[in-house]
Amino acid sequence: MLHRVGLTPLLLMPSEFPKILDYGIGLTDLAKYTFGSDTSLRAADFSRGDLFQQLEKYRPRILAFNGKRAAAAFFGRAVPYGYQQAADMGPTRFYVGPSTSGAARRYWDERIWREIAAATI
């Protein structure tokens, strides 16, 4: 999806994930010590504090959540897709995009990911 919406000039294989740093993109996971479908994760599985520390350290212009579950755990409330205007923190603007997981394909809307990519320009 990163390539499809124009965030990377090349289609990268999953094993090439370290190369995304070359494009000014970082990846992290809010649930670092467990895995599973969104419905199987508990609120305690998400490391909100770790993400706050990363935001303070790296001060990204944009943070995009890949799906609503992690975003809701971070914000402590349900969130809509798109730009979370009321949540801006310093230089960081927050977006929530539909999950790119095949399990979430019924919610898929590439337009939101294109909006996120356009915001990086």
PDB file of N, CA and C in Angstrom:
ATOM      1  N   MET A   1       0.833  -1.192   0.000  1.00  0.00           N
ATOM      2  CA  MET A   1       0.000   0.000   0.000  1.00  0.00           C
ATOM      3  C   MET A   1       0.875   1.251   0.000  1.00  0.00           C
ATOM      4  N   LEU A   2       2.013   1.192   0.677  1.00  0.00           N
ATOM      5  CA  LEU A   2       2.902   2.356   0.711  1.00  0.00           C
ATOM      6  C   LEU A   2       3.283   2.785  -0.704  1.00  0.00           C
ATOM      7  N   HIS A   3       3.582   1.817  -1.543  1.00  0.00           N
ATOM      8  CA  HIS A   3       3.934   2.130  -2.932  1.00  0.00           C
ATOM      9  C   HIS A   3       2.695   2.560  -3.727  1.00  0.00           C
ATOM     10  N   ARG A   4       1.620   1.853  -3.529  1.00  0.00           N
ATOM     11  CA  ARG A   4       0.399   2.115  -4.306  1.00  0.00           C
ATOM     12  C   ARG A   4      -0.115   3.544  -4.142  1.00  0.00           C
ATOM     13  N   VAL A   5       0.044   4.110  -2.938  1.00  0.00           N
ATOM     14  CA  VAL A   5      -0.439   5.480  -2.716  1.00  0.00           C
ATOM     15  C   VAL A   5       0.661   6.515  -2.907  1.00  0.00           C
ATOM     16  N   GLY A   6       1.862   6.069  -3.286  1.00  0.00           N
ATOM     17  CA  GLY A   6       2.930   7.000  -3.623  1.00  0.00           C
ATOM     18  C   GLY A   6       3.884   7.367  -2.506  1.00  0.00           C
ATOM     19  N   LEU A   7       3.857   6.642  -1.402  1.00  0.00           N
ATOM     20  CA  LEU A   7       4.781   6.946  -0.311  1.00  0.00           C
ATOM     21  C   LEU A   7       6.182   6.382  -0.545  1.00  0.00           C
ATOM     22  N   THR A   8       6.281   5.339  -1.364  1.00  0.00           N
ATOM     23  CA  THR A   8       7.590   4.813  -1.769  1.00  0.00           C
ATOM     24  C   THR A   8       7.603   4.710  -3.288  1.00  0.00           C
ATOM     25  N   PRO A   9       8.757   4.995  -3.903  1.00  0.00           N
ATOM     26  CA  PRO A   9       8.819   4.914  -5.363  1.00  0.00           C
ATOM     27  C   PRO A   9       8.900   3.485  -5.884  1.00  0.00           C
ATOM     28  N   LEU A  10       9.233   2.552  -5.009  1.00  0.00           N
ATOM     29  CA  LEU A  10       9.382   1.147  -5.388  1.00  0.00           C
ATOM     30  C   LEU A  10       8.461   0.279  -4.552  1.00  0.00           C
ATOM     31  N   LEU A  11       8.045  -0.829  -5.135  1.00  0.00           N
ATOM     32  CA  LEU A  11       7.281  -1.821  -4.387  1.00  0.00           C
ATOM     33  C   LEU A  11       8.285  -2.647  -3.596  1.00  0.00           C
ATOM     34  N   LEU A  12       8.217  -2.577  -2.286  1.00  0.00           N
ATOM     35  CA  LEU A  12       9.157  -3.289  -1.434  1.00  0.00           C
ATOM     36  C   LEU A  12       8.566  -4.621  -0.987  1.00  0.00           C
ATOM     37  N   MET A  13       9.418  -5.622  -0.930  1.00  0.00           N
ATOM     38  CA  MET A  13       9.012  -6.918  -0.403  1.00  0.00           C
ATOM     39  C   MET A  13       8.971  -6.800   1.128  1.00  0.00           C
ATOM     40  N   PRO A  14       8.166  -7.612   1.803  1.00  0.00           N
ATOM     41  CA  PRO A  14       8.120  -7.532   3.267  1.00  0.00           C
ATOM     42  C   PRO A  14       9.502  -7.633   3.916  1.00  0.00           C
ATOM     43  N   SER A  15      10.375  -8.443   3.366  1.00  0.00           N
ATOM     44  CA  SER A  15      11.719  -8.590   3.935  1.00  0.00           C
ATOM     45  C   SER A  15      12.564  -7.319   3.783  1.00  0.00           C
ATOM     46  N   GLU A  16      12.123  -6.410   2.948  1.00  0.00           N
ATOM     47  CA  GLU A  16      12.854  -5.156   2.726  1.00  0.00           C
ATOM     48  C   GLU A  16      12.355  -4.015   3.622  1.00  0.00           C
ATOM     49  N   PHE A  17      11.580  -4.331   4.655  1.00  0.00           N
ATOM     50  CA  PHE A  17      10.984  -3.282   5.482  1.00  0.00           C
ATOM     51  C   PHE A  17      11.995  -2.281   6.031  1.00  0.00           C
ATOM     52  N   PRO A  18      13.255  -2.654   6.322  1.00  0.00           N
ATOM     53  CA  PRO A  18      14.176  -1.614   6.820  1.00  0.00           C
ATOM     54  C   PRO A  18      14.399  -0.469   5.824  1.00  0.00           C
ATOM     55  N   LYS A  19      14.181  -0.701   4.548  1.00  0.00           N
ATOM     56  CA  LYS A  19      14.388   0.331   3.528  1.00  0.00           C
ATOM     57  C   LYS A  19      13.385   1.471   3.619  1.00  0.00           C
ATOM     58  N   ILE A  20      12.266   1.265   4.304  1.00  0.00           N
ATOM     59  CA  ILE A  20      11.286   2.354   4.367  1.00  0.00           C
ATOM     60  C   ILE A  20      11.830   3.556   5.109  1.00  0.00           C
ATOM     61  N   LEU A  21      12.822   3.334   5.959  1.00  0.00           N
ATOM     62  CA  LEU A  21      13.460   4.465   6.648  1.00  0.00           C
ATOM     63  C   LEU A  21      14.082   5.421   5.640  1.00  0.00           C
ATOM     64  N   ASP A  22      14.532   4.889   4.492  1.00  0.00           N
ATOM     65  CA  ASP A  22      15.106   5.727   3.439  1.00  0.00           C
ATOM     66  C   ASP A  22      14.088   6.722   2.886  1.00  0.00           C
ATOM     67  N   TYR A  23      12.812   6.454   3.086  1.00  0.00           N
ATOM     68  CA  TYR A  23      11.738   7.306   2.570  1.00  0.00           C
ATOM     69  C   TYR A  23      11.098   8.141   3.677  1.00  0.00           C
ATOM     70  N   GLY A  24      11.729   8.166   4.843  1.00  0.00           N
ATOM     71  CA  GLY A  24      11.211   8.967   5.949  1.00  0.00           C
ATOM     72  C   GLY A  24       9.997   8.362   6.621  1.00  0.00           C
ATOM     73  N   ILE A  25       9.856   7.052   6.514  1.00  0.00           N
ATOM     74  CA  ILE A  25       8.708   6.353   7.093  1.00  0.00           C
ATOM     75  C   ILE A  25       9.214   5.426   8.185  1.00  0.00           C
ATOM     76  N   GLY A  26       8.558   5.452   9.324  1.00  0.00           N
ATOM     77  CA  GLY A  26       8.868   4.521  10.393  1.00  0.00           C
ATOM     78  C   GLY A  26       7.654   3.659  10.685  1.00  0.00           C
ATOM     79  N   LEU A  27       7.892   2.464  11.134  1.00  0.00           N
ATOM     80  CA  LEU A  27       6.807   1.556  11.513  1.00  0.00           C
ATOM     81  C   LEU A  27       6.976   1.156  12.966  1.00  0.00           C
ATOM     82  N   THR A  28       5.877   1.017  13.645  1.00  0.00           N
ATOM     83  CA  THR A  28       5.891   0.474  14.992  1.00  0.00           C
ATOM     84  C   THR A  28       4.583  -0.267  15.198  1.00  0.00           C
ATOM     85  N   ASP A  29       4.504  -0.993  16.268  1.00  0.00           N
ATOM     86  CA  ASP A  29       3.302  -1.749  16.574  1.00  0.00           C
ATOM     87  C   ASP A  29       2.896  -1.422  18.000  1.00  0.00           C
ATOM     88  N   LEU A  30       1.685  -1.080  18.192  1.00  0.00           N
ATOM     89  CA  LEU A  30       1.196  -0.727  19.522  1.00  0.00           C
ATOM     90  C   LEU A  30       1.049  -1.959  20.416  1.00  0.00           C
ATOM     91  N   ALA A  31       0.870  -3.115  19.819  1.00  0.00           N
ATOM     92  CA  ALA A  31       0.782  -4.381  20.569  1.00  0.00           C
ATOM     93  C   ALA A  31       2.062  -5.169  20.279  1.00  0.00           C
ATOM     94  N   LYS A  32       3.101  -4.868  21.028  1.00  0.00           N
ATOM     95  CA  LYS A  32       4.424  -5.425  20.758  1.00  0.00           C
ATOM     96  C   LYS A  32       4.640  -6.838  21.287  1.00  0.00           C
ATOM     97  N   TYR A  33       3.904  -7.249  22.287  1.00  0.00           N
ATOM     98  CA  TYR A  33       4.208  -8.509  22.958  1.00  0.00           C
ATOM     99  C   TYR A  33       3.146  -9.585  22.754  1.00  0.00           C
ATOM    100  N   THR A  34       2.242  -9.341  21.826  1.00  0.00           N
ATOM    101  CA  THR A  34       1.215 -10.319  21.509  1.00  0.00           C
ATOM    102  C   THR A  34       0.797 -10.110  20.057  1.00  0.00           C
ATOM    103  N   PHE A  35      -0.022 -10.971  19.565  1.00  0.00           N
ATOM    104  CA  PHE A  35      -0.520 -10.825  18.204  1.00  0.00           C
ATOM    105  C   PHE A  35      -1.883 -11.489  18.111  1.00  0.00           C
ATOM    106  N   GLY A  36      -2.552 -11.224  17.020  1.00  0.00           N
ATOM    107  CA  GLY A  36      -3.851 -11.828  16.796  1.00  0.00           C
ATOM    108  C   GLY A  36      -4.785 -10.855  16.121  1.00  0.00           C
ATOM    109  N   SER A  37      -5.982 -11.304  15.880  1.00  0.00           N
ATOM    110  CA  SER A  37      -6.980 -10.433  15.262  1.00  0.00           C
ATOM    111  C   SER A  37      -7.368  -9.342  16.254  1.00  0.00           C
ATOM    112  N   ASP A  38      -7.872  -8.259  15.740  1.00  0.00           N
ATOM    113  CA  ASP A  38      -8.266  -7.133  16.595  1.00  0.00           C
ATOM    114  C   ASP A  38      -9.219  -7.563  17.707  1.00  0.00           C
ATOM    115  N   THR A  39     -10.114  -8.464  17.389  1.00  0.00           N
ATOM    116  CA  THR A  39     -11.112  -8.872  18.377  1.00  0.00           C
ATOM    117  C   THR A  39     -10.506  -9.698  19.511  1.00  0.00           C
ATOM    118  N   SER A  40      -9.322 -10.273  19.289  1.00  0.00           N
ATOM    119  CA  SER A  40      -8.705 -11.094  20.335  1.00  0.00           C
ATOM    120  C   SER A  40      -7.784 -10.287  21.250  1.00  0.00           C
ATOM    121  N   LEU A  41      -7.488  -9.042  20.893  1.00  0.00           N
ATOM    122  CA  LEU A  41      -6.580  -8.218  21.691  1.00  0.00           C
ATOM    123  C   LEU A  41      -7.336  -7.474  22.778  1.00  0.00           C
ATOM    124  N   ARG A  42      -6.704  -7.362  23.950  1.00  0.00           N
ATOM    125  CA  ARG A  42      -7.285  -6.652  25.079  1.00  0.00           C
ATOM    126  C   ARG A  42      -6.644  -5.267  25.172  1.00  0.00           C
ATOM    127  N   ALA A  43      -7.264  -4.355  25.843  1.00  0.00           N
ATOM    128  CA  ALA A  43      -6.716  -3.001  26.004  1.00  0.00           C
ATOM    129  C   ALA A  43      -5.320  -3.048  26.608  1.00  0.00           C
ATOM    130  N   ALA A  44      -5.078  -3.983  27.525  1.00  0.00           N
ATOM    131  CA  ALA A  44      -3.774  -4.096  28.185  1.00  0.00           C
ATOM    132  C   ALA A  44      -2.675  -4.565  27.233  1.00  0.00           C
ATOM    133  N   ASP A  45      -3.042  -5.084  26.066  1.00  0.00           N
ATOM    134  CA  ASP A  45      -2.050  -5.556  25.097  1.00  0.00           C
ATOM    135  C   ASP A  45      -1.367  -4.404  24.358  1.00  0.00           C
ATOM    136  N   PHE A  46      -1.921  -3.209  24.443  1.00  0.00           N
ATOM    137  CA  PHE A  46      -1.396  -2.067  23.706  1.00  0.00           C
ATOM    138  C   PHE A  46      -0.494  -1.218  24.600  1.00  0.00           C
ATOM    139  N   SER A  47       0.657  -0.834  24.067  1.00  0.00           N
ATOM    140  CA  SER A  47       1.655  -0.067  24.817  1.00  0.00           C
ATOM    141  C   SER A  47       1.555   1.415  24.476  1.00  0.00           C
ATOM    142  N   ARG A  48       0.539   2.079  25.004  1.00  0.00           N
ATOM    143  CA  ARG A  48       0.325   3.510  24.732  1.00  0.00           C
ATOM    144  C   ARG A  48       1.521   4.350  25.171  1.00  0.00           C
ATOM    145  N   GLY A  49       2.039   4.061  26.351  1.00  0.00           N
ATOM    146  CA  GLY A  49       3.152   4.837  26.886  1.00  0.00           C
ATOM    147  C   GLY A  49       4.376   4.785  25.995  1.00  0.00           C
ATOM    148  N   ASP A  50       4.660   3.613  25.425  1.00  0.00           N
ATOM    149  CA  ASP A  50       5.797   3.480  24.510  1.00  0.00           C
ATOM    150  C   ASP A  50       5.620   4.382  23.298  1.00  0.00           C
ATOM    151  N   LEU A  51       4.405   4.433  22.775  1.00  0.00           N
ATOM    152  CA  LEU A  51       4.174   5.278  21.603  1.00  0.00           C
ATOM    153  C   LEU A  51       4.302   6.754  21.962  1.00  0.00           C
ATOM    154  N   PHE A  52       3.806   7.151  23.113  1.00  0.00           N
ATOM    155  CA  PHE A  52       3.991   8.546  23.543  1.00  0.00           C
ATOM    156  C   PHE A  52       5.471   8.898  23.614  1.00  0.00           C
ATOM    157  N   GLN A  53       6.289   7.991  24.144  1.00  0.00           N
ATOM    158  CA  GLN A  53       7.730   8.237  24.224  1.00  0.00           C
ATOM    159  C   GLN A  53       8.345   8.363  22.839  1.00  0.00           C
ATOM    160  N   GLN A  54       7.923   7.517  21.906  1.00  0.00           N
ATOM    161  CA  GLN A  54       8.442   7.598  20.539  1.00  0.00           C
ATOM    162  C   GLN A  54       8.028   8.909  19.878  1.00  0.00           C
ATOM    163  N   LEU A  55       6.805   9.349  20.130  1.00  0.00           N
ATOM    164  CA  LEU A  55       6.342  10.617  19.562  1.00  0.00           C
ATOM    165  C   LEU A  55       7.167  11.782  20.091  1.00  0.00           C
ATOM    166  N   GLU A  56       7.465  11.761  21.373  1.00  0.00           N
ATOM    167  CA  GLU A  56       8.280  12.829  21.955  1.00  0.00           C
ATOM    168  C   GLU A  56       9.698  12.806  21.404  1.00  0.00           C
ATOM    169  N   LYS A  57      10.240  11.623  21.186  1.00  0.00           N
ATOM    170  CA  LYS A  57      11.614  11.491  20.702  1.00  0.00           C
ATOM    171  C   LYS A  57      11.752  11.853  19.227  1.00  0.00           C
ATOM    172  N   TYR A  58      10.878  11.303  18.375  1.00  0.00           N
ATOM    173  CA  TYR A  58      11.023  11.461  16.924  1.00  0.00           C
ATOM    174  C   TYR A  58      10.214  12.612  16.338  1.00  0.00           C
ATOM    175  N   ARG A  59       9.158  13.038  17.030  1.00  0.00           N
ATOM    176  CA  ARG A  59       8.325  14.160  16.600  1.00  0.00           C
ATOM    177  C   ARG A  59       7.937  14.085  15.105  1.00  0.00           C
ATOM    178  N   PRO A  60       7.279  13.003  14.711  1.00  0.00           N
ATOM    179  CA  PRO A  60       6.899  12.876  13.296  1.00  0.00           C
ATOM    180  C   PRO A  60       5.829  13.898  12.918  1.00  0.00           C
ATOM    181  N   ARG A  61       5.805  14.250  11.638  1.00  0.00           N
ATOM    182  CA  ARG A  61       4.749  15.149  11.147  1.00  0.00           C
ATOM    183  C   ARG A  61       3.413  14.440  11.106  1.00  0.00           C
ATOM    184  N   ILE A  62       3.448  13.135  10.774  1.00  0.00           N
ATOM    185  CA  ILE A  62       2.212  12.361  10.631  1.00  0.00           C
ATOM    186  C   ILE A  62       2.378  10.994  11.278  1.00  0.00           C
ATOM    187  N   LEU A  63       1.350  10.572  11.979  1.00  0.00           N
ATOM    188  CA  LEU A  63       1.272   9.209  12.475  1.00  0.00           C
ATOM    189  C   LEU A  63      -0.037   8.645  11.938  1.00  0.00           C
ATOM    190  N   ALA A  64       0.050   7.537  11.216  1.00  0.00           N
ATOM    191  CA  ALA A  64      -1.142   6.905  10.655  1.00  0.00           C
ATOM    192  C   ALA A  64      -1.328   5.529  11.287  1.00  0.00           C
ATOM    193  N   PHE A  65      -2.483   5.323  11.854  1.00  0.00           N
ATOM    194  CA  PHE A  65      -2.831   4.023  12.407  1.00  0.00           C
ATOM    195  C   PHE A  65      -3.391   3.162  11.292  1.00  0.00           C
ATOM    196  N   ASN A  66      -2.937   1.926  11.237  1.00  0.00           N
ATOM    197  CA  ASN A  66      -3.414   0.959  10.259  1.00  0.00           C
ATOM    198  C   ASN A  66      -4.587   0.201  10.886  1.00  0.00           C
ATOM    199  N   GLY A  67      -5.741   0.826  10.873  1.00  0.00           N
ATOM    200  CA  GLY A  67      -6.928   0.238  11.462  1.00  0.00           C
ATOM    201  C   GLY A  67      -7.384   0.987  12.707  1.00  0.00           C
ATOM    202  N   LYS A  68      -8.649   0.810  13.035  1.00  0.00           N
ATOM    203  CA  LYS A  68      -9.252   1.544  14.149  1.00  0.00           C
ATOM    204  C   LYS A  68      -8.905   0.978  15.523  1.00  0.00           C
ATOM    205  N   ARG A  69      -8.631  -0.309  15.622  1.00  0.00           N
ATOM    206  CA  ARG A  69      -8.450  -0.932  16.948  1.00  0.00           C
ATOM    207  C   ARG A  69      -7.283  -0.316  17.700  1.00  0.00           C
ATOM    208  N   ALA A  70      -6.116  -0.225  17.077  1.00  0.00           N
ATOM    209  CA  ALA A  70      -4.946   0.355  17.745  1.00  0.00           C
ATOM    210  C   ALA A  70      -5.174   1.838  18.021  1.00  0.00           C
ATOM    211  N   ALA A  71      -5.795   2.531  17.083  1.00  0.00           N
ATOM    212  CA  ALA A  71      -6.067   3.960  17.278  1.00  0.00           C
ATOM    213  C   ALA A  71      -6.996   4.165  18.472  1.00  0.00           C
ATOM    214  N   ALA A  72      -8.020   3.350  18.592  1.00  0.00           N
ATOM    215  CA  ALA A  72      -8.951   3.470  19.717  1.00  0.00           C
ATOM    216  C   ALA A  72      -8.237   3.174  21.042  1.00  0.00           C
ATOM    217  N   ALA A  73      -7.335   2.213  21.026  1.00  0.00           N
ATOM    218  CA  ALA A  73      -6.572   1.901  22.245  1.00  0.00           C
ATOM    219  C   ALA A  73      -5.670   3.073  22.615  1.00  0.00           C
ATOM    220  N   PHE A  74      -5.069   3.716  21.618  1.00  0.00           N
ATOM    221  CA  PHE A  74      -4.178   4.849  21.873  1.00  0.00           C
ATOM    222  C   PHE A  74      -4.957   6.058  22.399  1.00  0.00           C
ATOM    223  N   PHE A  75      -6.056   6.393  21.740  1.00  0.00           N
ATOM    224  CA  PHE A  75      -6.829   7.577  22.120  1.00  0.00           C
ATOM    225  C   PHE A  75      -7.772   7.337  23.302  1.00  0.00           C
ATOM    226  N   GLY A  76      -8.037   6.073  23.604  1.00  0.00           N
ATOM    227  CA  GLY A  76      -8.940   5.761  24.709  1.00  0.00           C
ATOM    228  C   GLY A  76     -10.395   5.964  24.374  1.00  0.00           C
ATOM    229  N   ARG A  77     -10.717   5.946  23.099  1.00  0.00           N
ATOM    230  CA  ARG A  77     -12.104   6.135  22.652  1.00  0.00           C
ATOM    231  C   ARG A  77     -12.225   5.643  21.212  1.00  0.00           C
ATOM    232  N   ALA A  78     -13.454   5.437  20.779  1.00  0.00           N
ATOM    233  CA  ALA A  78     -13.693   5.060  19.383  1.00  0.00           C
ATOM    234  C   ALA A  78     -13.308   6.226  18.475  1.00  0.00           C
ATOM    235  N   VAL A  79     -12.817   5.914  17.288  1.00  0.00           N
ATOM    236  CA  VAL A  79     -12.378   6.951  16.351  1.00  0.00           C
ATOM    237  C   VAL A  79     -12.928   6.666  14.962  1.00  0.00           C
ATOM    238  N   PRO A  80     -13.174   7.715  14.193  1.00  0.00           N
ATOM    239  CA  PRO A  80     -13.565   7.520  12.789  1.00  0.00           C
ATOM    240  C   PRO A  80     -12.315   7.387  11.926  1.00  0.00           C
ATOM    241  N   TYR A  81     -12.486   6.976  10.703  1.00  0.00           N
ATOM    242  CA  TYR A  81     -11.373   6.971   9.748  1.00  0.00           C
ATOM    243  C   TYR A  81     -11.049   8.407   9.347  1.00  0.00           C
ATOM    244  N   GLY A  82      -9.807   8.632   8.972  1.00  0.00           N
ATOM    245  CA  GLY A  82      -9.397   9.933   8.467  1.00  0.00           C
ATOM    246  C   GLY A  82      -8.582  10.720   9.472  1.00  0.00           C
ATOM    247  N   TYR A  83      -8.466  12.006   9.215  1.00  0.00           N
ATOM    248  CA  TYR A  83      -7.671  12.924  10.028  1.00  0.00           C
ATOM    249  C   TYR A  83      -8.350  13.148  11.370  1.00  0.00           C
ATOM    250  N   GLN A  84      -7.587  13.036  12.445  1.00  0.00           N
ATOM    251  CA  GLN A  84      -8.099  13.209  13.811  1.00  0.00           C
ATOM    252  C   GLN A  84      -7.700  14.604  14.302  1.00  0.00           C
ATOM    253  N   GLN A  85      -8.315  15.612  13.769  1.00  0.00           N
ATOM    254  CA  GLN A  85      -7.916  17.003  13.985  1.00  0.00           C
ATOM    255  C   GLN A  85      -7.785  17.372  15.456  1.00  0.00           C
ATOM    256  N   ALA A  86      -8.685  16.950  16.274  1.00  0.00           N
ATOM    257  CA  ALA A  86      -8.652  17.324  17.692  1.00  0.00           C
ATOM    258  C   ALA A  86      -7.507  16.650  18.441  1.00  0.00           C
ATOM    259  N   ALA A  87      -6.823  15.712  17.812  1.00  0.00           N
ATOM    260  CA  ALA A  87      -5.788  14.944  18.498  1.00  0.00           C
ATOM    261  C   ALA A  87      -4.367  15.425  18.213  1.00  0.00           C
ATOM    262  N   ASP A  88      -4.192  16.454  17.390  1.00  0.00           N
ATOM    263  CA  ASP A  88      -2.844  16.920  17.071  1.00  0.00           C
ATOM    264  C   ASP A  88      -2.013  17.073  18.343  1.00  0.00           C
ATOM    265  N   MET A  89      -0.755  16.647  18.261  1.00  0.00           N
ATOM    266  CA  MET A  89       0.136  16.718  19.415  1.00  0.00           C
ATOM    267  C   MET A  89       1.471  17.292  18.943  1.00  0.00           C
ATOM    268  N   GLY A  90       1.735  18.532  19.281  1.00  0.00           N
ATOM    269  CA  GLY A  90       2.947  19.181  18.781  1.00  0.00           C
ATOM    270  C   GLY A  90       2.908  19.203  17.258  1.00  0.00           C
ATOM    271  N   PRO A  91       3.984  18.759  16.625  1.00  0.00           N
ATOM    272  CA  PRO A  91       4.008  18.774  15.164  1.00  0.00           C
ATOM    273  C   PRO A  91       3.283  17.586  14.526  1.00  0.00           C
ATOM    274  N   THR A  92       2.794  16.655  15.345  1.00  0.00           N
ATOM    275  CA  THR A  92       2.238  15.402  14.820  1.00  0.00           C
ATOM    276  C   THR A  92       0.742  15.508  14.570  1.00  0.00           C
ATOM    277  N   ARG A  93       0.366  15.163  13.332  1.00  0.00           N
ATOM    278  CA  ARG A  93      -1.045  15.045  12.959  1.00  0.00           C
ATOM    279  C   ARG A  93      -1.374  13.553  12.881  1.00  0.00           C
ATOM    280  N   PHE A  94      -2.535  13.183  13.406  1.00  0.00           N
ATOM    281  CA  PHE A  94      -2.928  11.781  13.474  1.00  0.00           C
ATOM    282  C   PHE A  94      -3.991  11.454  12.427  1.00  0.00           C
ATOM    283  N   TYR A  95      -3.822  10.294  11.808  1.00  0.00           N
ATOM    284  CA  TYR A  95      -4.785   9.764  10.846  1.00  0.00           C
ATOM    285  C   TYR A  95      -5.103   8.328  11.217  1.00  0.00           C
ATOM    286  N   VAL A  96      -6.302   7.901  10.860  1.00  0.00           N
ATOM    287  CA  VAL A  96      -6.684   6.502  11.012  1.00  0.00           C
ATOM    288  C   VAL A  96      -7.129   6.018   9.645  1.00  0.00           C
ATOM    289  N   GLY A  97      -6.424   5.013   9.151  1.00  0.00           N
ATOM    290  CA  GLY A  97      -6.783   4.410   7.865  1.00  0.00           C
ATOM    291  C   GLY A  97      -7.378   3.042   8.085  1.00  0.00           C
ATOM    292  N   PRO A  98      -8.140   2.555   7.111  1.00  0.00           N
ATOM    293  CA  PRO A  98      -8.673   1.205   7.220  1.00  0.00           C
ATOM    294  C   PRO A  98      -7.522   0.201   7.242  1.00  0.00           C
ATOM    295  N   SER A  99      -7.667  -0.834   8.007  1.00  0.00           N
ATOM    296  CA  SER A  99      -6.632  -1.854   8.086  1.00  0.00           C
ATOM    297  C   SER A  99      -6.345  -2.428   6.705  1.00  0.00           C
ATOM    298  N   THR A 100      -5.069  -2.669   6.456  1.00  0.00           N
ATOM    299  CA  THR A 100      -4.667  -3.280   5.186  1.00  0.00           C
ATOM    300  C   THR A 100      -4.713  -4.805   5.273  1.00  0.00           C
ATOM    301  N   SER A 101      -5.153  -5.332   6.397  1.00  0.00           N
ATOM    302  CA  SER A 101      -5.293  -6.774   6.560  1.00  0.00           C
ATOM    303  C   SER A 101      -6.416  -7.292   5.671  1.00  0.00           C
ATOM    304  N   GLY A 102      -6.205  -8.447   5.098  1.00  0.00           N
ATOM    305  CA  GLY A 102      -7.254  -9.078   4.289  1.00  0.00           C
ATOM    306  C   GLY A 102      -8.516  -9.349   5.091  1.00  0.00           C
ATOM    307  N   ALA A 103      -8.365  -9.555   6.391  1.00  0.00           N
ATOM    308  CA  ALA A 103      -9.522  -9.812   7.249  1.00  0.00           C
ATOM    309  C   ALA A 103     -10.429  -8.593   7.368  1.00  0.00           C
ATOM    310  N   ALA A 104      -9.913  -7.417   7.018  1.00  0.00           N
ATOM    311  CA  ALA A 104     -10.693  -6.177   7.140  1.00  0.00           C
ATOM    312  C   ALA A 104     -11.121  -5.632   5.782  1.00  0.00           C
ATOM    313  N   ARG A 105     -11.104  -6.448   4.758  1.00  0.00           N
ATOM    314  CA  ARG A 105     -11.351  -5.944   3.395  1.00  0.00           C
ATOM    315  C   ARG A 105     -12.738  -5.339   3.199  1.00  0.00           C
ATOM    316  N   ARG A 106     -13.700  -5.704   4.016  1.00  0.00           N
ATOM    317  CA  ARG A 106     -15.039  -5.110   3.830  1.00  0.00           C
ATOM    318  C   ARG A 106     -15.062  -3.631   4.218  1.00  0.00           C
ATOM    319  N   TYR A 107     -14.054  -3.180   4.978  1.00  0.00           N
ATOM    320  CA  TYR A 107     -13.965  -1.774   5.382  1.00  0.00           C
ATOM    321  C   TYR A 107     -12.997  -0.987   4.502  1.00  0.00           C
ATOM    322  N   TRP A 108     -12.441  -1.650   3.519  1.00  0.00           N
ATOM    323  CA  TRP A 108     -11.357  -1.052   2.745  1.00  0.00           C
ATOM    324  C   TRP A 108     -11.811   0.185   1.975  1.00  0.00           C
ATOM    325  N   ASP A 109     -11.007   1.234   2.062  1.00  0.00           N
ATOM    326  CA  ASP A 109     -11.233   2.455   1.303  1.00  0.00           C
ATOM    327  C   ASP A 109      -9.866   3.084   1.060  1.00  0.00           C
ATOM    328  N   GLU A 110      -9.343   2.880  -0.106  1.00  0.00           N
ATOM    329  CA  GLU A 110      -8.005   3.364  -0.444  1.00  0.00           C
ATOM    330  C   GLU A 110      -7.928   4.886  -0.416  1.00  0.00           C
ATOM    331  N   ARG A 111      -9.045   5.575  -0.577  1.00  0.00           N
ATOM    332  CA  ARG A 111      -9.027   7.045  -0.591  1.00  0.00           C
ATOM    333  C   ARG A 111      -8.426   7.622   0.692  1.00  0.00           C
ATOM    334  N   ILE A 112      -8.673   6.988   1.811  1.00  0.00           N
ATOM    335  CA  ILE A 112      -8.136   7.496   3.078  1.00  0.00           C
ATOM    336  C   ILE A 112      -6.617   7.369   3.086  1.00  0.00           C
ATOM    337  N   TRP A 113      -6.079   6.259   2.566  1.00  0.00           N
ATOM    338  CA  TRP A 113      -4.622   6.101   2.500  1.00  0.00           C
ATOM    339  C   TRP A 113      -4.022   7.099   1.520  1.00  0.00           C
ATOM    340  N   ARG A 114      -4.734   7.424   0.466  1.00  0.00           N
ATOM    341  CA  ARG A 114      -4.248   8.455  -0.461  1.00  0.00           C
ATOM    342  C   ARG A 114      -4.258   9.832   0.214  1.00  0.00           C
ATOM    343  N   GLU A 115      -5.263  10.094   1.034  1.00  0.00           N
ATOM    344  CA  GLU A 115      -5.318  11.348   1.813  1.00  0.00           C
ATOM    345  C   GLU A 115      -4.105  11.451   2.745  1.00  0.00           C
ATOM    346  N   ILE A 116      -3.775  10.344   3.382  1.00  0.00           N
ATOM    347  CA  ILE A 116      -2.609  10.308   4.285  1.00  0.00           C
ATOM    348  C   ILE A 116      -1.334  10.587   3.487  1.00  0.00           C
ATOM    349  N   ALA A 117      -1.184   9.954   2.337  1.00  0.00           N
ATOM    350  CA  ALA A 117       0.003  10.172   1.507  1.00  0.00           C
ATOM    351  C   ALA A 117       0.083  11.627   1.054  1.00  0.00           C
ATOM    352  N   ALA A 118      -1.035  12.209   0.669  1.00  0.00           N
ATOM    353  CA  ALA A 118      -1.046  13.608   0.222  1.00  0.00           C
ATOM    354  C   ALA A 118      -0.660  14.553   1.358  1.00  0.00           C
ATOM    355  N   ALA A 119      -0.970  14.200   2.579  1.00  0.00           N
ATOM    356  CA  ALA A 119      -0.646  15.046   3.725  1.00  0.00           C
ATOM    357  C   ALA A 119       0.850  15.087   4.011  1.00  0.00           C
ATOM    358  N   THR A 120       1.588  14.138   3.457  1.00  0.00           N
ATOM    359  CA  THR A 120       3.045  14.109   3.696  1.00  0.00           C
ATOM    360  C   THR A 120       3.795  15.069   2.785  1.00  0.00           C
ATOM    361  N   ILE A 121       3.130  15.597   1.793  1.00  0.00           N
ATOM    362  CA  ILE A 121       3.801  16.471   0.827  1.00  0.00           C
ATOM    363  C   ILE A 121       3.992  17.869   1.402  1.00  0.00           C
TER     364      ILE A 121
END
